[in-house]
Amino acid sequence: MDIFPTRKDVDWEEFESGNVVIVMNKDLSSLEEKIANFVGAPKTVKRPLDEMNSKLWLLMDGKMTVKQIVLEMDRIFAEKIAPSNERVNRSIADFVNLGLVKLDRLGVEGESE
């Protein structure tokens, strides 16, 4: 079965370098939120991604299957990402566990490939 990783609706920025920074809301308790308000602490955290995870983030737009993404990452990064299948799948799982990516059986066009 084909699985299409798709970014969830989170704030993120892509820089000229191609690197991505994801902006995440902090999960604060009510007490922590009061303290953060009092001291003026930010309620978001910026999570910069390295070169490979930035490219992976950009590829997870719901148009490509995991298999297609693995092949593309292997083409781009070659030996740097070997073994590509394991590394890409682990990174996708990390994004899912962080609540940043969902896995769909249908691509964004609504058709399985």
PDB file of N, CA and C in Angstrom:
ATOM      1  N   MET A   1       0.847  -1.182   0.000  1.00  0.00           N
ATOM      2  CA  MET A   1       0.000   0.000   0.000  1.00  0.00           C
ATOM      3  C   MET A   1       0.895   1.249   0.000  1.00  0.00           C
ATOM      4  N   ASP A   2       0.521   2.212  -0.787  1.00  0.00           N
ATOM      5  CA  ASP A   2       1.291   3.450  -0.869  1.00  0.00           C
ATOM      6  C   ASP A   2       0.856   4.410   0.231  1.00  0.00           C
ATOM      7  N   ILE A   3       1.845   5.009   0.861  1.00  0.00           N
ATOM      8  CA  ILE A   3       1.608   5.977   1.925  1.00  0.00           C
ATOM      9  C   ILE A   3       2.187   7.317   1.483  1.00  0.00           C
ATOM     10  N   PHE A   4       1.389   8.362   1.654  1.00  0.00           N
ATOM     11  CA  PHE A   4       1.785   9.716   1.266  1.00  0.00           C
ATOM     12  C   PHE A   4       1.987  10.570   2.521  1.00  0.00           C
ATOM     13  N   PRO A   5       3.241  10.879   2.888  1.00  0.00           N
ATOM     14  CA  PRO A   5       3.466  11.782   4.025  1.00  0.00           C
ATOM     15  C   PRO A   5       3.065  13.206   3.652  1.00  0.00           C
ATOM     16  N   THR A   6       2.319  13.849   4.548  1.00  0.00           N
ATOM     17  CA  THR A   6       1.824  15.191   4.285  1.00  0.00           C
ATOM     18  C   THR A   6       2.055  16.076   5.503  1.00  0.00           C
ATOM     19  N   ARG A   7       2.667  17.235   5.267  1.00  0.00           N
ATOM     20  CA  ARG A   7       2.884  18.187   6.361  1.00  0.00           C
ATOM     21  C   ARG A   7       1.542  18.631   6.924  1.00  0.00           C
ATOM     22  N   LYS A   8       1.479  18.743   8.243  1.00  0.00           N
ATOM     23  CA  LYS A   8       0.286  19.303   8.868  1.00  0.00           C
ATOM     24  C   LYS A   8       0.362  20.823   8.760  1.00  0.00           C
ATOM     25  N   ASP A   9      -0.724  21.478   9.115  1.00  0.00           N
ATOM     26  CA  ASP A   9      -0.796  22.933   9.003  1.00  0.00           C
ATOM     27  C   ASP A   9      -0.035  23.580  10.167  1.00  0.00           C
ATOM     28  N   VAL A  10       1.278  23.676   9.989  1.00  0.00           N
ATOM     29  CA  VAL A  10       2.140  24.322  10.985  1.00  0.00           C
ATOM     30  C   VAL A  10       2.914  25.433  10.290  1.00  0.00           C
ATOM     31  N   ASP A  11       3.343  26.406  11.079  1.00  0.00           N
ATOM     32  CA  ASP A  11       4.132  27.504  10.522  1.00  0.00           C
ATOM     33  C   ASP A  11       5.558  27.036  10.271  1.00  0.00           C
ATOM     34  N   TRP A  12       6.092  27.412   9.127  1.00  0.00           N
ATOM     35  CA  TRP A  12       7.481  27.100   8.812  1.00  0.00           C
ATOM     36  C   TRP A  12       7.987  28.066   7.772  1.00  0.00           C
ATOM     37  N   GLU A  13       9.314  28.187   7.709  1.00  0.00           N
ATOM     38  CA  GLU A  13       9.951  29.100   6.760  1.00  0.00           C
ATOM     39  C   GLU A  13      11.050  28.350   6.020  1.00  0.00           C
ATOM     40  N   GLU A  14      11.198  28.662   4.736  1.00  0.00           N
ATOM     41  CA  GLU A  14      12.321  28.151   3.962  1.00  0.00           C
ATOM     42  C   GLU A  14      13.239  29.330   3.649  1.00  0.00           C
ATOM     43  N   PHE A  15      14.520  29.154   3.911  1.00  0.00           N
ATOM     44  CA  PHE A  15      15.495  30.204   3.662  1.00  0.00           C
ATOM     45  C   PHE A  15      16.188  29.986   2.324  1.00  0.00           C
ATOM     46  N   GLU A  16      16.896  31.006   1.857  1.00  0.00           N
ATOM     47  CA  GLU A  16      17.600  30.924   0.573  1.00  0.00           C
ATOM     48  C   GLU A  16      18.538  29.734   0.515  1.00  0.00           C
ATOM     49  N   SER A  17      19.089  29.351   1.659  1.00  0.00           N
ATOM     50  CA  SER A  17      19.999  28.210   1.725  1.00  0.00           C
ATOM     51  C   SER A  17      19.277  26.897   1.440  1.00  0.00           C
ATOM     52  N   GLY A  18      17.941  26.923   1.471  1.00  0.00           N
ATOM     53  CA  GLY A  18      17.154  25.713   1.295  1.00  0.00           C
ATOM     54  C   GLY A  18      16.777  25.075   2.616  1.00  0.00           C
ATOM     55  N   ASN A  19      17.369  25.572   3.713  1.00  0.00           N
ATOM     56  CA  ASN A  19      17.036  25.019   5.024  1.00  0.00           C
ATOM     57  C   ASN A  19      15.690  25.544   5.509  1.00  0.00           C
ATOM     58  N   VAL A  20      15.042  24.729   6.323  1.00  0.00           N
ATOM     59  CA  VAL A  20      13.707  25.017   6.825  1.00  0.00           C
ATOM     60  C   VAL A  20      13.769  25.186   8.340  1.00  0.00           C
ATOM     61  N   VAL A  21      12.956  26.109   8.842  1.00  0.00           N
ATOM     62  CA  VAL A  21      12.757  26.269  10.282  1.00  0.00           C
ATOM     63  C   VAL A  21      11.268  26.115  10.544  1.00  0.00           C
ATOM     64  N   ILE A  22      10.936  25.190  11.437  1.00  0.00           N
ATOM     65  CA  ILE A  22       9.540  24.959  11.813  1.00  0.00           C
ATOM     66  C   ILE A  22       9.273  25.751  13.094  1.00  0.00           C
ATOM     67  N   VAL A  23       8.151  26.463  13.134  1.00  0.00           N
ATOM     68  CA  VAL A  23       7.766  27.245  14.298  1.00  0.00           C
ATOM     69  C   VAL A  23       6.657  26.481  15.015  1.00  0.00           C
ATOM     70  N   MET A  24       6.961  26.063  16.251  1.00  0.00           N
ATOM     71  CA  MET A  24       6.005  25.257  17.010  1.00  0.00           C
ATOM     72  C   MET A  24       5.551  26.007  18.251  1.00  0.00           C
ATOM     73  N   ASN A  25       4.275  25.841  18.597  1.00  0.00           N
ATOM     74  CA  ASN A  25       3.760  26.413  19.838  1.00  0.00           C
ATOM     75  C   ASN A  25       4.254  25.571  21.008  1.00  0.00           C
ATOM     76  N   LYS A  26       4.662  26.245  22.076  1.00  0.00           N
ATOM     77  CA  LYS A  26       5.066  25.527  23.285  1.00  0.00           C
ATOM     78  C   LYS A  26       3.817  25.005  23.978  1.00  0.00           C
ATOM     79  N   ASP A  27       3.918  23.808  24.501  1.00  0.00           N
ATOM     80  CA  ASP A  27       2.806  23.205  25.244  1.00  0.00           C
ATOM     81  C   ASP A  27       2.980  23.551  26.715  1.00  0.00           C
ATOM     82  N   LEU A  28       2.392  24.675  27.114  1.00  0.00           N
ATOM     83  CA  LEU A  28       2.586  25.184  28.471  1.00  0.00           C
ATOM     84  C   LEU A  28       1.374  24.885  29.347  1.00  0.00           C
ATOM     85  N   SER A  29       1.652  24.557  30.611  1.00  0.00           N
ATOM     86  CA  SER A  29       0.561  24.427  31.578  1.00  0.00           C
ATOM     87  C   SER A  29       0.060  25.839  31.885  1.00  0.00           C
ATOM     88  N   SER A  30      -1.052  25.936  32.583  1.00  0.00           N
ATOM     89  CA  SER A  30      -1.588  27.273  32.886  1.00  0.00           C
ATOM     90  C   SER A  30      -0.613  28.066  33.756  1.00  0.00           C
ATOM     91  N   LEU A  31       0.054  27.394  34.698  1.00  0.00           N
ATOM     92  CA  LEU A  31       1.037  28.078  35.533  1.00  0.00           C
ATOM     93  C   LEU A  31       2.222  28.541  34.687  1.00  0.00           C
ATOM     94  N   GLU A  32       2.727  27.671  33.828  1.00  0.00           N
ATOM     95  CA  GLU A  32       3.854  28.040  32.963  1.00  0.00           C
ATOM     96  C   GLU A  32       3.482  29.201  32.049  1.00  0.00           C
ATOM     97  N   GLU A  33       2.236  29.193  31.569  1.00  0.00           N
ATOM     98  CA  GLU A  33       1.791  30.273  30.686  1.00  0.00           C
ATOM     99  C   GLU A  33       1.747  31.610  31.442  1.00  0.00           C
ATOM    100  N   LYS A  34       1.291  31.591  32.679  1.00  0.00           N
ATOM    101  CA  LYS A  34       1.263  32.816  33.487  1.00  0.00           C
ATOM    102  C   LYS A  34       2.688  33.337  33.712  1.00  0.00           C
ATOM    103  N   ILE A  35       3.605  32.421  34.008  1.00  0.00           N
ATOM    104  CA  ILE A  35       5.003  32.821  34.216  1.00  0.00           C
ATOM    105  C   ILE A  35       5.589  33.374  32.919  1.00  0.00           C
ATOM    106  N   ALA A  36       5.305  32.693  31.803  1.00  0.00           N
ATOM    107  CA  ALA A  36       5.812  33.144  30.498  1.00  0.00           C
ATOM    108  C   ALA A  36       5.277  34.535  30.170  1.00  0.00           C
ATOM    109  N   ASN A  37       4.001  34.771  30.458  1.00  0.00           N
ATOM    110  CA  ASN A  37       3.411  36.097  30.226  1.00  0.00           C
ATOM    111  C   ASN A  37       4.091  37.146  31.108  1.00  0.00           C
ATOM    112  N   PHE A  38       4.330  36.799  32.367  1.00  0.00           N
ATOM    113  CA  PHE A  38       4.931  37.733  33.318  1.00  0.00           C
ATOM    114  C   PHE A  38       6.347  38.131  32.896  1.00  0.00           C
ATOM    115  N   VAL A  39       7.146  37.146  32.476  1.00  0.00           N
ATOM    116  CA  VAL A  39       8.547  37.442  32.128  1.00  0.00           C
ATOM    117  C   VAL A  39       8.732  37.763  30.647  1.00  0.00           C
ATOM    118  N   GLY A  40       7.649  37.665  29.885  1.00  0.00           N
ATOM    119  CA  GLY A  40       7.723  37.987  28.460  1.00  0.00           C
ATOM    120  C   GLY A  40       8.421  36.916  27.617  1.00  0.00           C
ATOM    121  N   ALA A  41       8.345  35.683  28.072  1.00  0.00           N
ATOM    122  CA  ALA A  41       8.983  34.580  27.336  1.00  0.00           C
ATOM    123  C   ALA A  41       8.174  34.250  26.079  1.00  0.00           C
ATOM    124  N   PRO A  42       8.841  33.810  25.016  1.00  0.00           N
ATOM    125  CA  PRO A  42       8.121  33.456  23.787  1.00  0.00           C
ATOM    126  C   PRO A  42       7.264  32.210  23.997  1.00  0.00           C
ATOM    127  N   LYS A  43       6.150  32.155  23.295  1.00  0.00           N
ATOM    128  CA  LYS A  43       5.248  31.006  23.400  1.00  0.00           C
ATOM    129  C   LYS A  43       5.433  30.043  22.230  1.00  0.00           C
ATOM    130  N   THR A  44       6.415  30.337  21.412  1.00  0.00           N
ATOM    131  CA  THR A  44       6.743  29.442  20.305  1.00  0.00           C
ATOM    132  C   THR A  44       8.227  29.094  20.383  1.00  0.00           C
ATOM    133  N   VAL A  45       8.561  28.012  19.730  1.00  0.00           N
ATOM    134  CA  VAL A  45       9.957  27.598  19.632  1.00  0.00           C
ATOM    135  C   VAL A  45      10.251  27.343  18.155  1.00  0.00           C
ATOM    136  N   LYS A  46      11.412  27.805  17.718  1.00  0.00           N
ATOM    137  CA  LYS A  46      11.814  27.591  16.327  1.00  0.00           C
ATOM    138  C   LYS A  46      12.713  26.375  16.269  1.00  0.00           C
ATOM    139  N   ARG A  47      12.348  25.431  15.410  1.00  0.00           N
ATOM    140  CA  ARG A  47      13.093  24.187  15.275  1.00  0.00           C
ATOM    141  C   ARG A  47      13.774  24.178  13.905  1.00  0.00           C
ATOM    142  N   PRO A  48      15.064  24.528  13.856  1.00  0.00           N
ATOM    143  CA  PRO A  48      15.772  24.507  12.569  1.00  0.00           C
ATOM    144  C   PRO A  48      16.081  23.073  12.147  1.00  0.00           C
ATOM    145  N   LEU A  49      15.916  22.803  10.873  1.00  0.00           N
ATOM    146  CA  LEU A  49      16.206  21.479  10.330  1.00  0.00           C
ATOM    147  C   LEU A  49      17.530  21.504   9.581  1.00  0.00           C
ATOM    148  N   ASP A  50      18.235  20.390   9.606  1.00  0.00           N
ATOM    149  CA  ASP A  50      19.472  20.292   8.841  1.00  0.00           C
ATOM    150  C   ASP A  50      19.138  20.160   7.351  1.00  0.00           C
ATOM    151  N   GLU A  51      20.150  20.092   6.535  1.00  0.00           N
ATOM    152  CA  GLU A  51      19.967  20.068   5.074  1.00  0.00           C
ATOM    153  C   GLU A  51      19.077  18.910   4.621  1.00  0.00           C
ATOM    154  N   MET A  52      19.347  17.705   5.133  1.00  0.00           N
ATOM    155  CA  MET A  52      18.576  16.538   4.690  1.00  0.00           C
ATOM    156  C   MET A  52      17.138  16.586   5.173  1.00  0.00           C
ATOM    157  N   ASN A  53      16.914  16.931   6.448  1.00  0.00           N
ATOM    158  CA  ASN A  53      15.548  16.999   6.954  1.00  0.00           C
ATOM    159  C   ASN A  53      14.777  18.160   6.338  1.00  0.00           C
ATOM    160  N   SER A  54      15.475  19.227   5.966  1.00  0.00           N
ATOM    161  CA  SER A  54      14.817  20.332   5.262  1.00  0.00           C
ATOM    162  C   SER A  54      14.289  19.857   3.916  1.00  0.00           C
ATOM    163  N   LYS A  55      15.122  19.127   3.175  1.00  0.00           N
ATOM    164  CA  LYS A  55      14.692  18.615   1.865  1.00  0.00           C
ATOM    165  C   LYS A  55      13.547  17.628   2.044  1.00  0.00           C
ATOM    166  N   LEU A  56      13.659  16.764   3.056  1.00  0.00           N
ATOM    167  CA  LEU A  56      12.583  15.809   3.335  1.00  0.00           C
ATOM    168  C   LEU A  56      11.289  16.551   3.642  1.00  0.00           C
ATOM    169  N   TRP A  57      11.361  17.600   4.461  1.00  0.00           N
ATOM    170  CA  TRP A  57      10.181  18.400   4.810  1.00  0.00           C
ATOM    171  C   TRP A  57       9.508  18.946   3.549  1.00  0.00           C
ATOM    172  N   LEU A  58      10.318  19.467   2.638  1.00  0.00           N
ATOM    173  CA  LEU A  58       9.770  20.041   1.410  1.00  0.00           C
ATOM    174  C   LEU A  58       9.129  18.972   0.528  1.00  0.00           C
ATOM    175  N   LEU A  59       9.665  17.760   0.552  1.00  0.00           N
ATOM    176  CA  LEU A  59       9.119  16.677  -0.274  1.00  0.00           C
ATOM    177  C   LEU A  59       7.825  16.097   0.295  1.00  0.00           C
ATOM    178  N   MET A  60       7.578  16.291   1.573  1.00  0.00           N
ATOM    179  CA  MET A  60       6.381  15.710   2.205  1.00  0.00           C
ATOM    180  C   MET A  60       5.169  16.621   2.007  1.00  0.00           C
ATOM    181  N   ASP A  61       4.791  16.788   0.755  1.00  0.00           N
ATOM    182  CA  ASP A  61       3.670  17.666   0.421  1.00  0.00           C
ATOM    183  C   ASP A  61       2.415  16.886   0.039  1.00  0.00           C
ATOM    184  N   GLY A  62       2.439  15.567   0.232  1.00  0.00           N
ATOM    185  CA  GLY A  62       1.280  14.740  -0.077  1.00  0.00           C
ATOM    186  C   GLY A  62       1.196  14.309  -1.517  1.00  0.00           C
ATOM    187  N   LYS A  63       2.182  14.671  -2.329  1.00  0.00           N
ATOM    188  CA  LYS A  63       2.165  14.323  -3.747  1.00  0.00           C
ATOM    189  C   LYS A  63       3.032  13.112  -4.066  1.00  0.00           C
ATOM    190  N   MET A  64       3.934  12.765  -3.140  1.00  0.00           N
ATOM    191  CA  MET A  64       4.851  11.653  -3.373  1.00  0.00           C
ATOM    192  C   MET A  64       4.664  10.593  -2.293  1.00  0.00           C
ATOM    193  N   THR A  65       4.829   9.325  -2.690  1.00  0.00           N
ATOM    194  CA  THR A  65       4.766   8.237  -1.720  1.00  0.00           C
ATOM    195  C   THR A  65       6.081   8.183  -0.949  1.00  0.00           C
ATOM    196  N   VAL A  66       6.075   7.443   0.146  1.00  0.00           N
ATOM    197  CA  VAL A  66       7.308   7.253   0.913  1.00  0.00           C
ATOM    198  C   VAL A  66       8.389   6.673   0.010  1.00  0.00           C
ATOM    199  N   LYS A  67       8.016   5.711  -0.802  1.00  0.00           N
ATOM    200  CA  LYS A  67       8.976   5.067  -1.715  1.00  0.00           C
ATOM    201  C   LYS A  67       9.586   6.090  -2.680  1.00  0.00           C
ATOM    202  N   GLN A  68       8.772   6.954  -3.246  1.00  0.00           N
ATOM    203  CA  GLN A  68       9.262   7.989  -4.158  1.00  0.00           C
ATOM    204  C   GLN A  68      10.171   8.977  -3.431  1.00  0.00           C
ATOM    205  N   ILE A  69       9.822   9.316  -2.198  1.00  0.00           N
ATOM    206  CA  ILE A  69      10.638  10.241  -1.419  1.00  0.00           C
ATOM    207  C   ILE A  69      11.996   9.614  -1.111  1.00  0.00           C
ATOM    208  N   VAL A  70      12.004   8.339  -0.741  1.00  0.00           N
ATOM    209  CA  VAL A  70      13.264   7.642  -0.469  1.00  0.00           C
ATOM    210  C   VAL A  70      14.156   7.688  -1.708  1.00  0.00           C
ATOM    211  N   LEU A  71      13.592   7.387  -2.872  1.00  0.00           N
ATOM    212  CA  LEU A  71      14.373   7.401  -4.112  1.00  0.00           C
ATOM    213  C   LEU A  71      14.918   8.801  -4.411  1.00  0.00           C
ATOM    214  N   GLU A  72      14.109   9.830  -4.202  1.00  0.00           N
ATOM    215  CA  GLU A  72      14.544  11.208  -4.458  1.00  0.00           C
ATOM    216  C   GLU A  72      15.639  11.627  -3.475  1.00  0.00           C
ATOM    217  N   MET A  73      15.468  11.295  -2.207  1.00  0.00           N
ATOM    218  CA  MET A  73      16.491  11.625  -1.210  1.00  0.00           C
ATOM    219  C   MET A  73      17.800  10.897  -1.520  1.00  0.00           C
ATOM    220  N   ASP A  74      17.708   9.649  -1.958  1.00  0.00           N
ATOM    221  CA  ASP A  74      18.898   8.878  -2.318  1.00  0.00           C
ATOM    222  C   ASP A  74      19.587   9.492  -3.535  1.00  0.00           C
ATOM    223  N   ARG A  75      18.780   9.957  -4.487  1.00  0.00           N
ATOM    224  CA  ARG A  75      19.344  10.600  -5.685  1.00  0.00           C
ATOM    225  C   ARG A  75      20.082  11.883  -5.318  1.00  0.00           C
ATOM    226  N   ILE A  76      19.505  12.671  -4.421  1.00  0.00           N
ATOM    227  CA  ILE A  76      20.089  13.961  -4.047  1.00  0.00           C
ATOM    228  C   ILE A  76      21.309  13.792  -3.147  1.00  0.00           C
ATOM    229  N   PHE A  77      21.212  12.935  -2.138  1.00  0.00           N
ATOM    230  CA  PHE A  77      22.252  12.871  -1.109  1.00  0.00           C
ATOM    231  C   PHE A  77      23.184  11.665  -1.225  1.00  0.00           C
ATOM    232  N   ALA A  78      22.850  10.704  -2.064  1.00  0.00           N
ATOM    233  CA  ALA A  78      23.689   9.533  -2.345  1.00  0.00           C
ATOM    234  C   ALA A  78      24.280   8.921  -1.074  1.00  0.00           C
ATOM    235  N   GLU A  79      25.599   8.891  -0.981  1.00  0.00           N
ATOM    236  CA  GLU A  79      26.289   8.232   0.133  1.00  0.00           C
ATOM    237  C   GLU A  79      26.030   8.915   1.479  1.00  0.00           C
ATOM    238  N   LYS A  80      25.745  10.211   1.465  1.00  0.00           N
ATOM    239  CA  LYS A  80      25.512  10.937   2.720  1.00  0.00           C
ATOM    240  C   LYS A  80      24.309  10.390   3.484  1.00  0.00           C
ATOM    241  N   ILE A  81      23.353   9.784   2.765  1.00  0.00           N
ATOM    242  CA  ILE A  81      22.121   9.348   3.416  1.00  0.00           C
ATOM    243  C   ILE A  81      22.006   7.828   3.505  1.00  0.00           C
ATOM    244  N   ALA A  82      22.991   7.114   3.009  1.00  0.00           N
ATOM    245  CA  ALA A  82      22.929   5.648   3.020  1.00  0.00           C
ATOM    246  C   ALA A  82      22.908   5.120   4.458  1.00  0.00           C
ATOM    247  N   PRO A  83      22.076   4.139   4.756  1.00  0.00           N
ATOM    248  CA  PRO A  83      21.029   3.531   3.941  1.00  0.00           C
ATOM    249  C   PRO A  83      19.783   4.422   3.915  1.00  0.00           C
ATOM    250  N   SER A  84      19.451   4.899   2.748  1.00  0.00           N
ATOM    251  CA  SER A  84      18.400   5.919   2.606  1.00  0.00           C
ATOM    252  C   SER A  84      17.036   5.448   3.087  1.00  0.00           C
ATOM    253  N   ASN A  85      16.670   4.215   2.802  1.00  0.00           N
ATOM    254  CA  ASN A  85      15.343   3.732   3.195  1.00  0.00           C
ATOM    255  C   ASN A  85      15.162   3.820   4.713  1.00  0.00           C
ATOM    256  N   GLU A  86      16.148   3.342   5.460  1.00  0.00           N
ATOM    257  CA  GLU A  86      16.052   3.373   6.919  1.00  0.00           C
ATOM    258  C   GLU A  86      16.055   4.797   7.457  1.00  0.00           C
ATOM    259  N   ARG A  87      16.936   5.623   6.950  1.00  0.00           N
ATOM    260  CA  ARG A  87      17.063   6.991   7.479  1.00  0.00           C
ATOM    261  C   ARG A  87      15.841   7.835   7.164  1.00  0.00           C
ATOM    262  N   VAL A  88      15.321   7.734   5.941  1.00  0.00           N
ATOM    263  CA  VAL A  88      14.141   8.519   5.563  1.00  0.00           C
ATOM    264  C   VAL A  88      12.934   8.057   6.369  1.00  0.00           C
ATOM    265  N   ASN A  89      12.739   6.741   6.482  1.00  0.00           N
ATOM    266  CA  ASN A  89      11.601   6.239   7.247  1.00  0.00           C
ATOM    267  C   ASN A  89      11.689   6.640   8.711  1.00  0.00           C
ATOM    268  N   ARG A  90      12.880   6.630   9.282  1.00  0.00           N
ATOM    269  CA  ARG A  90      13.052   7.039  10.678  1.00  0.00           C
ATOM    270  C   ARG A  90      12.733   8.529  10.835  1.00  0.00           C
ATOM    271  N   SER A  91      13.196   9.351   9.895  1.00  0.00           N
ATOM    272  CA  SER A  91      12.922  10.790   9.976  1.00  0.00           C
ATOM    273  C   SER A  91      11.435  11.086   9.809  1.00  0.00           C
ATOM    274  N   ILE A  92      10.780  10.377   8.890  1.00  0.00           N
ATOM    275  CA  ILE A  92       9.334  10.565   8.719  1.00  0.00           C
ATOM    276  C   ILE A  92       8.616  10.189  10.013  1.00  0.00           C
ATOM    277  N   ALA A  93       9.017   9.078  10.630  1.00  0.00           N
ATOM    278  CA  ALA A  93       8.404   8.652  11.899  1.00  0.00           C
ATOM    279  C   ALA A  93       8.609   9.715  12.980  1.00  0.00           C
ATOM    280  N   ASP A  94       9.785  10.325  13.015  1.00  0.00           N
ATOM    281  CA  ASP A  94      10.041  11.393  13.986  1.00  0.00           C
ATOM    282  C   ASP A  94       9.103  12.574  13.764  1.00  0.00           C
ATOM    283  N   PHE A  95       8.916  12.972  12.507  1.00  0.00           N
ATOM    284  CA  PHE A  95       8.002  14.079  12.194  1.00  0.00           C
ATOM    285  C   PHE A  95       6.568  13.720  12.611  1.00  0.00           C
ATOM    286  N   VAL A  96       6.166  12.472  12.376  1.00  0.00           N
ATOM    287  CA  VAL A  96       4.822  12.023  12.769  1.00  0.00           C
ATOM    288  C   VAL A  96       4.690  12.081  14.289  1.00  0.00           C
ATOM    289  N   ASN A  97       5.699  11.569  15.013  1.00  0.00           N
ATOM    290  CA  ASN A  97       5.656  11.565  16.479  1.00  0.00           C
ATOM    291  C   ASN A  97       5.617  12.967  17.071  1.00  0.00           C
ATOM    292  N   LEU A  98       6.211  13.932  16.375  1.00  0.00           N
ATOM    293  CA  LEU A  98       6.173  15.328  16.825  1.00  0.00           C
ATOM    294  C   LEU A  98       4.847  16.014  16.468  1.00  0.00           C
ATOM    295  N   GLY A  99       3.993  15.304  15.718  1.00  0.00           N
ATOM    296  CA  GLY A  99       2.706  15.869  15.327  1.00  0.00           C
ATOM    297  C   GLY A  99       2.795  16.849  14.167  1.00  0.00           C
ATOM    298  N   LEU A 100       3.872  16.755  13.385  1.00  0.00           N
ATOM    299  CA  LEU A 100       4.086  17.699  12.284  1.00  0.00           C
ATOM    300  C   LEU A 100       3.677  17.140  10.932  1.00  0.00           C
ATOM    301  N   VAL A 101       3.560  15.831  10.823  1.00  0.00           N
ATOM    302  CA  VAL A 101       3.270  15.169   9.555  1.00  0.00           C
ATOM    303  C   VAL A 101       2.219  14.090   9.790  1.00  0.00           C
ATOM    304  N   LYS A 102       1.342  13.918   8.814  1.00  0.00           N
ATOM    305  CA  LYS A 102       0.376  12.821   8.857  1.00  0.00           C
ATOM    306  C   LYS A 102       0.642  11.912   7.671  1.00  0.00           C
ATOM    307  N   LEU A 103       0.244  10.667   7.803  1.00  0.00           N
ATOM    308  CA  LEU A 103       0.421   9.692   6.736  1.00  0.00           C
ATOM    309  C   LEU A 103      -0.944   9.364   6.141  1.00  0.00           C
ATOM    310  N   ASP A 104      -1.076   9.552   4.828  1.00  0.00           N
ATOM    311  CA  ASP A 104      -2.338   9.313   4.138  1.00  0.00           C
ATOM    312  C   ASP A 104      -2.174   8.182   3.141  1.00  0.00           C
ATOM    313  N   ARG A 105      -3.259   7.486   2.892  1.00  0.00           N
ATOM    314  CA  ARG A 105      -3.244   6.433   1.870  1.00  0.00           C
ATOM    315  C   ARG A 105      -3.468   7.006   0.481  1.00  0.00           C
ATOM    316  N   LEU A 106      -4.040   8.201   0.430  1.00  0.00           N
ATOM    317  CA  LEU A 106      -4.281   8.872  -0.846  1.00  0.00           C
ATOM    318  C   LEU A 106      -3.470  10.151  -0.887  1.00  0.00           C
ATOM    319  N   GLY A 107      -2.952  10.468  -2.052  1.00  0.00           N
ATOM    320  CA  GLY A 107      -2.195  11.708  -2.212  1.00  0.00           C
ATOM    321  C   GLY A 107      -3.111  12.921  -2.191  1.00  0.00           C
ATOM    322  N   VAL A 108      -2.528  14.096  -2.334  1.00  0.00           N
ATOM    323  CA  VAL A 108      -3.329  15.322  -2.278  1.00  0.00           C
ATOM    324  C   VAL A 108      -4.334  15.416  -3.414  1.00  0.00           C
ATOM    325  N   GLU A 109      -4.069  14.723  -4.513  1.00  0.00           N
ATOM    326  CA  GLU A 109      -5.031  14.724  -5.608  1.00  0.00           C
ATOM    327  C   GLU A 109      -6.209  13.794  -5.328  1.00  0.00           C
ATOM    328  N   GLY A 110      -6.097  12.973  -4.241  1.00  0.00           N
ATOM    329  CA  GLY A 110      -7.195  12.105  -3.871  1.00  0.00           C
ATOM    330  C   GLY A 110      -7.186  10.787  -4.606  1.00  0.00           C
ATOM    331  N   GLU A 111      -6.115  10.484  -5.301  1.00  0.00           N
ATOM    332  CA  GLU A 111      -6.034   9.223  -6.018  1.00  0.00           C
ATOM    333  C   GLU A 111      -4.802   8.473  -5.544  1.00  0.00           C
ATOM    334  N   SER A 112      -4.961   7.179  -5.313  1.00  0.00           N
ATOM    335  CA  SER A 112      -3.780   6.393  -4.959  1.00  0.00           C
ATOM    336  C   SER A 112      -3.019   6.105  -6.241  1.00  0.00           C
ATOM    337  N   GLU A 113      -1.712   5.957  -6.081  1.00  0.00           N
ATOM    338  CA  GLU A 113      -0.885   5.719  -7.254  1.00  0.00           C
ATOM    339  C   GLU A 113      -0.513   4.267  -7.338  1.00  0.00           C
TER     340      GLU A 113
END
